[in-house]
C-alpha cells in the first residue's frame, strides 16, 4: 500500500485534525505572525518535510491570501517544483508583515 496520493491525503487529514486557523489575508501583521507560529508547532508535531509544510500551510489560505499565493507561485515557482517552507515564509512575511511594522 505505497500510494503517495493516499499518504498525502492521510497527512492532510492529520493536519486538519489539529484545526489550523484559516488565513484570509488583509492587514493583520500580528495575526500573520501568530498564524505562522501556530502552523510551525503543528508541523513539528507531525514531523513534516519542508515541501509538505508548504503544501499543508497553503491549503489553509483563503480569499485574498489564496489569490496572493497563486500569484506568488506564478512569479517564483517552477513547474513541478515544490516551493519549500522557508521561501513561502519569506514571501508571506514580506506581504503580511511589512518592514514598517517590525519596529
C-alpha atoms as a PDB file:
ATOM      1  CA  UNK A   1       0.000   0.000   0.000  1.00  0.00           C
ATOM      2  CA  UNK A   2       2.616   2.506  -1.108  1.00  0.00           C
ATOM      3  CA  UNK A   3       0.352   5.047  -2.751  1.00  0.00           C
ATOM      4  CA  UNK A   4       1.806   8.570  -2.494  1.00  0.00           C
ATOM      5  CA  UNK A   5      -1.637  10.074  -3.125  1.00  0.00           C
ATOM      6  CA  UNK A   6      -3.048   8.165  -0.173  1.00  0.00           C
ATOM      7  CA  UNK A   7      -0.122   9.277   2.007  1.00  0.00           C
ATOM      8  CA  UNK A   8      -0.676  12.935   1.248  1.00  0.00           C
ATOM      9  CA  UNK A   9      -4.400  12.515   1.832  1.00  0.00           C
ATOM     10  CA  UNK A  10      -3.711  10.985   5.252  1.00  0.00           C
ATOM     11  CA  UNK A  11      -1.213  13.737   6.030  1.00  0.00           C
ATOM     12  CA  UNK A  12      -3.786  16.387   5.115  1.00  0.00           C
ATOM     13  CA  UNK A  13      -6.420  14.704   7.292  1.00  0.00           C
ATOM     14  CA  UNK A  14      -3.987  14.593  10.176  1.00  0.00           C
ATOM     15  CA  UNK A  15      -3.019  18.238   9.662  1.00  0.00           C
ATOM     16  CA  UNK A  16      -6.666  19.320   9.614  1.00  0.00           C
ATOM     17  CA  UNK A  17      -7.349  17.339  12.799  1.00  0.00           C
ATOM     18  CA  UNK A  18      -5.129  19.906  14.586  1.00  0.00           C
ATOM     19  CA  UNK A  19      -7.698  22.528  13.476  1.00  0.00           C
ATOM     20  CA  UNK A  20      -5.258  25.011  11.942  1.00  0.00           C
ATOM     21  CA  UNK A  21      -6.533  28.580  11.626  1.00  0.00           C
ATOM     22  CA  UNK A  22      -7.566  29.667   8.133  1.00  0.00           C
ATOM     23  CA  UNK A  23      -5.684  32.728   6.919  1.00  0.00           C
ATOM     24  CA  UNK A  24      -7.647  35.085   4.669  1.00  0.00           C
ATOM     25  CA  UNK A  25      -5.152  37.927   4.243  1.00  0.00           C
ATOM     26  CA  UNK A  26      -5.810  41.593   4.826  1.00  0.00           C
ATOM     27  CA  UNK A  27      -3.814  43.861   7.103  1.00  0.00           C
ATOM     28  CA  UNK A  28      -3.205  41.947  10.308  1.00  0.00           C
ATOM     29  CA  UNK A  29       0.557  41.700  10.950  1.00  0.00           C
ATOM     30  CA  UNK A  30       0.142  40.196  14.412  1.00  0.00           C
ATOM     31  CA  UNK A  31      -2.321  37.633  13.106  1.00  0.00           C
ATOM     32  CA  UNK A  32       0.088  36.744  10.291  1.00  0.00           C
ATOM     33  CA  UNK A  33       2.943  36.030  12.709  1.00  0.00           C
ATOM     34  CA  UNK A  34       0.650  34.042  15.017  1.00  0.00           C
ATOM     35  CA  UNK A  35      -0.596  32.013  12.050  1.00  0.00           C
ATOM     36  CA  UNK A  36       2.963  31.080  11.001  1.00  0.00           C
ATOM     37  CA  UNK A  37       3.887  30.172  14.592  1.00  0.00           C
ATOM     38  CA  UNK A  38       0.762  28.054  15.026  1.00  0.00           C
ATOM     39  CA  UNK A  39       1.438  26.140  11.814  1.00  0.00           C
ATOM     40  CA  UNK A  40       5.073  25.541  12.738  1.00  0.00           C
ATOM     41  CA  UNK A  41       4.005  23.980  16.046  1.00  0.00           C
ATOM     42  CA  UNK A  42       1.691  21.630  14.118  1.00  0.00           C
ATOM     43  CA  UNK A  43       4.411  20.835  11.542  1.00  0.00           C
ATOM     44  CA  UNK A  44       6.835  19.948  14.307  1.00  0.00           C
ATOM     45  CA  UNK A  45       4.305  17.641  15.949  1.00  0.00           C
ATOM     46  CA  UNK A  46       3.744  15.966  12.572  1.00  0.00           C
ATOM     47  CA  UNK A  47       7.419  15.749  11.612  1.00  0.00           C
ATOM     48  CA  UNK A  48       6.759  17.465   8.267  1.00  0.00           C
ATOM     49  CA  UNK A  49       9.296  17.886   5.474  1.00  0.00           C
ATOM     50  CA  UNK A  50       9.913  21.395   4.093  1.00  0.00           C
ATOM     51  CA  UNK A  51       7.848  20.605   0.989  1.00  0.00           C
ATOM     52  CA  UNK A  52       4.948  19.206   2.997  1.00  0.00           C
ATOM     53  CA  UNK A  53       4.929  22.284   5.224  1.00  0.00           C
ATOM     54  CA  UNK A  54       4.261  24.475   2.186  1.00  0.00           C
ATOM     55  CA  UNK A  55       1.629  22.130   0.765  1.00  0.00           C
ATOM     56  CA  UNK A  56      -0.233  21.956   4.081  1.00  0.00           C
ATOM     57  CA  UNK A  57       0.265  25.596   5.045  1.00  0.00           C
ATOM     58  CA  UNK A  58      -1.033  26.936   1.748  1.00  0.00           C
ATOM     59  CA  UNK A  59      -4.036  24.597   1.973  1.00  0.00           C
ATOM     60  CA  UNK A  60      -5.479  26.795   4.735  1.00  0.00           C
ATOM     61  CA  UNK A  61      -5.076  30.074   2.821  1.00  0.00           C
ATOM     62  CA  UNK A  62      -8.436  31.534   1.821  1.00  0.00           C
ATOM     63  CA  UNK A  63      -9.875  34.531  -0.045  1.00  0.00           C
ATOM     64  CA  UNK A  64      -7.309  37.277  -0.693  1.00  0.00           C
ATOM     65  CA  UNK A  65      -4.432  35.217   0.737  1.00  0.00           C
ATOM     66  CA  UNK A  66      -5.230  32.341  -1.614  1.00  0.00           C
ATOM     67  CA  UNK A  67      -5.170  34.663  -4.639  1.00  0.00           C
ATOM     68  CA  UNK A  68      -1.905  36.195  -3.388  1.00  0.00           C
ATOM     69  CA  UNK A  69      -0.320  32.711  -3.179  1.00  0.00           C
ATOM     70  CA  UNK A  70      -1.444  31.784  -6.714  1.00  0.00           C
ATOM     71  CA  UNK A  71       0.322  34.904  -7.976  1.00  0.00           C
ATOM     72  CA  UNK A  72       3.482  34.210  -5.953  1.00  0.00           C
ATOM     73  CA  UNK A  73       3.616  30.681  -7.381  1.00  0.00           C
ATOM     74  CA  UNK A  74       3.391  32.077 -10.901  1.00  0.00           C
ATOM     75  CA  UNK A  75       6.161  34.554 -10.116  1.00  0.00           C
ATOM     76  CA  UNK A  76       8.664  32.338  -8.294  1.00  0.00           C
ATOM     77  CA  UNK A  77       7.505  28.793  -8.948  1.00  0.00           C
ATOM     78  CA  UNK A  78       8.996  26.362 -11.412  1.00  0.00           C
ATOM     79  CA  UNK A  79       6.612  23.814 -12.911  1.00  0.00           C
ATOM     80  CA  UNK A  80       6.643  20.630 -10.832  1.00  0.00           C
ATOM     81  CA  UNK A  81       8.969  22.020  -8.164  1.00  0.00           C
ATOM     82  CA  UNK A  82       7.510  22.463  -4.702  1.00  0.00           C
ATOM     83  CA  UNK A  83       8.395  25.745  -3.003  1.00  0.00           C
ATOM     84  CA  UNK A  84       9.944  24.996   0.398  1.00  0.00           C
ATOM     85  CA  UNK A  85       8.549  26.498   3.591  1.00  0.00           C
ATOM     86  CA  UNK A  86      11.385  28.994   4.166  1.00  0.00           C
ATOM     87  CA  UNK A  87      10.721  30.561   0.753  1.00  0.00           C
ATOM     88  CA  UNK A  88       6.972  30.585   1.374  1.00  0.00           C
ATOM     89  CA  UNK A  89       7.540  32.177   4.773  1.00  0.00           C
ATOM     90  CA  UNK A  90       9.836  34.847   3.341  1.00  0.00           C
ATOM     91  CA  UNK A  91       7.235  35.805   0.712  1.00  0.00           C
ATOM     92  CA  UNK A  92       4.366  35.588   3.208  1.00  0.00           C
ATOM     93  CA  UNK A  93       6.045  37.827   5.777  1.00  0.00           C
ATOM     94  CA  UNK A  94       7.120  40.303   3.102  1.00  0.00           C
ATOM     95  CA  UNK A  95       3.455  40.624   2.161  1.00  0.00           C
ATOM     96  CA  UNK A  96       1.645  40.295   5.509  1.00  0.00           C
ATOM     97  CA  UNK A  97       4.243  41.538   7.971  1.00  0.00           C
ATOM     98  CA  UNK A  98       5.705  44.622   6.247  1.00  0.00           C
ATOM     99  CA  UNK A  99       9.020  46.096   7.400  1.00  0.00           C
ATOM    100  CA  UNK A 100       7.415  49.234   8.856  1.00  0.00           C
ATOM    101  CA  UNK A 101       5.541  47.083  11.388  1.00  0.00           C
ATOM    102  CA  UNK A 102       8.652  45.351  12.730  1.00  0.00           C
ATOM    103  CA  UNK A 103       9.911  48.475  14.534  1.00  0.00           C
END
